[in-house]
């Protein structure tokens, strides 16, 4: 069975994307109350992966953008805003979009070969890209400021970025996505069957 994006009507695709967008916003706002270190954990990567697998890379990118905008509006990026507002906005938005697009591209490339592997790799790639762009943003936009903060904490800037800023959050996001990978696969299959049947297509 091919990815459902090709068989959905425009109305169905927009409806599903709207639901996934709302879920991303709600989960990010809920996650903002749960902190590991300085920042809240990201519960939204799972619906981003689901949306990317059902609707494709562009939908994944849109959901990642919704994730980034919610982070900025909620004030979860305030720590970096004080250093470089423009750099913060760029980093937060780019990492969300890139994570969603990457999840969709990986799934599209692998799903014809093995859907389980496609879901598993997509679920892994999403947090890796999200965190990777964040780390790149730290070095590109905030290196000087973080060097001073790290010195006050008695750490090197590299150790501060990877152990304090990334650390537990990244591990949580990876494990959360991988543990839920079977559920993501099942939800993807159910979503495809429902939308195909609504159009009178065979499962």
Protein backbone atom coordinates (compact mmCIF):
# COMPACT_ATOMS: atom_id res chain seq x y z
CA UNK A 1 0.00 0.00 0.00
CA UNK A 2 1.39 3.39 -0.91
CA UNK A 3 1.35 6.41 1.29
CA UNK A 4 -2.11 7.82 1.74
CA UNK A 5 -1.25 11.33 0.54
CA UNK A 6 -1.83 10.33 -3.09
CA UNK A 7 -5.30 8.91 -2.46
CA UNK A 8 -6.73 11.59 -0.19
CA UNK A 9 -9.01 14.27 -1.54
CA UNK A 10 -7.96 17.87 -1.01
CA UNK A 11 -10.68 18.34 1.62
CA UNK A 12 -9.63 15.21 3.51
CA UNK A 13 -5.99 16.22 3.44
CA UNK A 14 -6.76 19.72 4.72
CA UNK A 15 -9.00 18.30 7.46
CA UNK A 16 -6.37 15.83 8.63
CA UNK A 17 -3.65 18.46 8.50
CA UNK A 18 -5.82 20.80 10.55
CA UNK A 19 -6.36 18.11 13.20
CA UNK A 20 -2.66 17.31 13.34
CA UNK A 21 -1.81 21.03 13.60
CA UNK A 22 -4.19 21.47 16.52
CA UNK A 23 -2.69 18.40 18.21
CA UNK A 24 0.83 19.77 17.77
CA UNK A 25 -0.13 23.10 19.34
CA UNK A 26 -1.94 21.48 22.28
CA UNK A 27 0.84 18.98 23.01
CA UNK A 28 3.51 21.68 22.84
CA UNK A 29 1.59 23.85 25.29
CA UNK A 30 1.15 20.86 27.62
CA UNK A 31 4.80 19.92 27.25
CA UNK A 32 5.84 23.43 28.23
CA UNK A 33 4.89 22.52 31.81
CA UNK A 34 7.30 19.53 31.84
CA UNK A 35 10.96 20.49 32.00
CA UNK A 36 14.17 18.49 31.77
CA UNK A 37 16.92 20.99 32.46
CA UNK A 38 16.32 24.50 31.14
CA UNK A 39 13.75 23.63 28.50
CA UNK A 40 10.46 21.79 28.19
CA UNK A 41 10.28 18.40 26.55
CA UNK A 42 8.84 18.06 23.05
CA UNK A 43 5.80 15.79 22.92
CA UNK A 44 4.89 17.06 19.46
CA UNK A 45 7.40 15.06 17.44
CA UNK A 46 5.07 12.04 17.38
CA UNK A 47 2.14 13.84 15.65
CA UNK A 48 4.67 15.49 13.33
CA UNK A 49 5.89 12.03 12.29
CA UNK A 50 2.31 10.76 11.88
CA UNK A 51 1.37 13.76 9.75
CA UNK A 52 4.53 13.42 7.65
CA UNK A 53 3.88 9.72 7.00
CA UNK A 54 0.21 10.19 6.11
CA UNK A 55 0.46 13.42 4.13
CA UNK A 56 4.07 13.70 3.02
CA UNK A 57 7.14 15.86 3.65
CA UNK A 58 5.44 19.21 3.00
CA UNK A 59 2.79 18.44 5.61
CA UNK A 60 5.56 17.39 7.99
CA UNK A 61 7.24 20.72 7.36
CA UNK A 62 4.01 22.60 8.07
CA UNK A 63 3.52 20.72 11.34
CA UNK A 64 7.13 21.47 12.27
CA UNK A 65 6.46 25.14 11.55
CA UNK A 66 3.40 25.05 13.82
CA UNK A 67 5.61 23.49 16.48
CA UNK A 68 8.18 26.27 16.13
CA UNK A 69 5.64 29.09 16.18
CA UNK A 70 4.04 27.64 19.32
CA UNK A 71 7.44 27.44 21.02
CA UNK A 72 8.05 31.11 20.28
CA UNK A 73 4.59 32.25 21.35
CA UNK A 74 4.65 30.22 24.56
CA UNK A 75 7.88 31.86 25.67
CA UNK A 76 9.75 28.56 25.84
CA UNK A 77 12.62 30.12 23.89
CA UNK A 78 12.94 33.16 26.18
CA UNK A 79 16.40 32.07 27.37
CA UNK A 80 17.79 32.55 23.87
CA UNK A 81 15.64 35.55 22.98
CA UNK A 82 17.68 37.58 25.46
CA UNK A 83 20.84 36.82 23.48
CA UNK A 84 19.71 37.10 19.86
CA UNK A 85 16.03 37.39 18.96
CA UNK A 86 16.49 36.97 15.21
CA UNK A 87 18.80 33.99 15.69
CA UNK A 88 16.30 32.43 18.07
CA UNK A 89 13.40 32.79 15.65
CA UNK A 90 15.43 31.37 12.77
CA UNK A 91 16.72 28.42 14.81
CA UNK A 92 13.36 27.50 16.33
CA UNK A 93 11.45 27.67 13.05
CA UNK A 94 14.10 25.97 10.91
CA UNK A 95 14.60 23.07 13.30
CA UNK A 96 10.87 22.32 13.41
CA UNK A 97 10.39 22.54 9.65
CA UNK A 98 13.52 20.51 8.92
CA UNK A 99 12.52 17.77 11.37
CA UNK A 100 9.06 17.42 9.80
CA UNK A 101 10.33 17.43 6.23
CA UNK A 102 13.08 14.93 7.05
CA UNK A 103 10.60 12.54 8.66
CA UNK A 104 8.38 12.68 5.57
CA UNK A 105 11.26 12.25 3.11
CA UNK A 106 12.67 9.25 4.99
CA UNK A 107 9.28 7.58 5.23
CA UNK A 108 8.54 8.16 1.53
CA UNK A 109 11.92 6.68 0.59
CA UNK A 110 11.65 3.58 2.75
CA UNK A 111 7.96 2.68 3.01
CA UNK A 112 7.81 0.69 -0.24
CA UNK A 113 10.64 -1.49 1.02
CA UNK A 114 9.52 -1.98 4.62
CA UNK A 115 6.92 0.13 6.40
CA UNK A 116 8.08 -0.85 9.87
CA UNK A 117 11.64 0.24 9.11
CA UNK A 118 10.30 3.41 7.47
CA UNK A 119 8.33 4.37 10.58
CA UNK A 120 11.18 3.47 12.94
CA UNK A 121 13.76 5.49 11.01
CA UNK A 122 11.36 8.43 10.59
CA UNK A 123 10.64 8.41 14.33
CA UNK A 124 14.39 8.50 14.97
CA UNK A 125 15.30 11.06 12.30
CA UNK A 126 12.74 13.61 13.51
CA UNK A 127 14.30 14.29 16.96
CA UNK A 128 17.84 13.90 15.59
CA UNK A 129 17.27 16.64 12.98
CA UNK A 130 15.37 18.80 15.46
CA UNK A 131 18.24 18.64 17.95
CA UNK A 132 20.93 18.84 15.27
CA UNK A 133 19.62 22.14 13.92
CA UNK A 134 19.27 23.44 17.48
CA UNK A 135 22.93 22.64 18.19
CA UNK A 136 23.97 24.26 14.91
CA UNK A 137 21.99 27.36 15.89
CA UNK A 138 23.75 27.45 19.26
CA UNK A 139 27.15 27.57 17.57
CA UNK A 140 26.05 29.95 14.83
CA UNK A 141 24.05 32.53 16.78
CA UNK A 142 24.79 32.14 20.50
CA UNK A 143 28.35 30.83 20.82
CA UNK A 144 29.76 33.92 22.54
CA UNK A 145 26.88 34.28 24.99
CA UNK A 146 26.82 30.56 25.79
CA UNK A 147 30.57 30.58 26.33
CA UNK A 148 30.12 33.16 29.09
CA UNK A 149 27.17 31.25 30.61
CA UNK A 150 29.12 27.99 30.48
CA UNK A 151 32.14 29.60 32.16
CA UNK A 152 29.94 30.76 35.02
CA UNK A 153 28.72 27.17 35.36
CA UNK A 154 32.29 25.86 35.35
CA UNK A 155 31.92 24.04 32.01
CA UNK A 156 33.24 24.35 28.50
CA UNK A 157 30.75 25.73 25.98
CA UNK A 158 30.62 22.39 24.13
CA UNK A 159 29.90 20.47 27.33
CA UNK A 160 27.28 23.04 28.31
CA UNK A 161 25.47 22.77 24.97
CA UNK A 162 25.46 18.97 24.83
CA UNK A 163 25.05 18.12 28.51
CA UNK A 164 22.91 20.98 29.82
CA UNK A 165 20.96 22.36 26.83
CA UNK A 166 20.50 19.10 24.90
CA UNK A 167 21.19 16.19 27.28
CA UNK A 168 18.09 14.68 28.82
CA UNK A 169 15.65 16.37 26.45
CA UNK A 170 17.16 14.71 23.39
CA UNK A 171 17.29 11.28 25.01
CA UNK A 172 13.67 11.62 26.14
CA UNK A 173 12.50 12.65 22.66
CA UNK A 174 14.32 9.78 20.95
CA UNK A 175 13.08 7.15 23.42
CA UNK A 176 9.54 8.61 23.39
CA UNK A 177 9.39 8.40 19.60
CA UNK A 178 10.92 4.93 19.36
CA UNK A 179 8.69 3.49 22.09
CA UNK A 180 5.65 4.89 20.30
CA UNK A 181 6.85 3.79 16.85
CA UNK A 182 4.50 0.74 16.81
CA UNK A 183 1.59 3.00 17.73
CA UNK A 184 2.61 5.45 15.00
CA UNK A 185 2.62 2.61 12.48
CA UNK A 186 -0.79 1.39 13.61
CA UNK A 187 -2.30 4.89 13.53
CA UNK A 188 -0.87 5.40 10.06
CA UNK A 189 -2.42 2.15 8.83
CA UNK A 190 -5.79 3.00 10.40
CA UNK A 191 -5.71 6.49 8.91
CA UNK A 192 -4.98 5.13 5.46
CA UNK A 193 -7.77 2.54 5.66
CA UNK A 194 -10.34 5.08 6.86
CA UNK A 195 -9.55 7.61 4.16
CA UNK A 196 -9.34 4.99 1.42
CA UNK A 197 -12.71 3.52 2.39
CA UNK A 198 -14.25 6.99 2.47
CA UNK A 199 -13.34 7.24 -1.20
CA UNK A 200 -14.53 3.76 -2.06
CA UNK A 201 -10.98 2.43 -2.62
CA UNK A 202 -9.84 -1.04 -1.71
CA UNK A 203 -7.72 -1.37 1.43
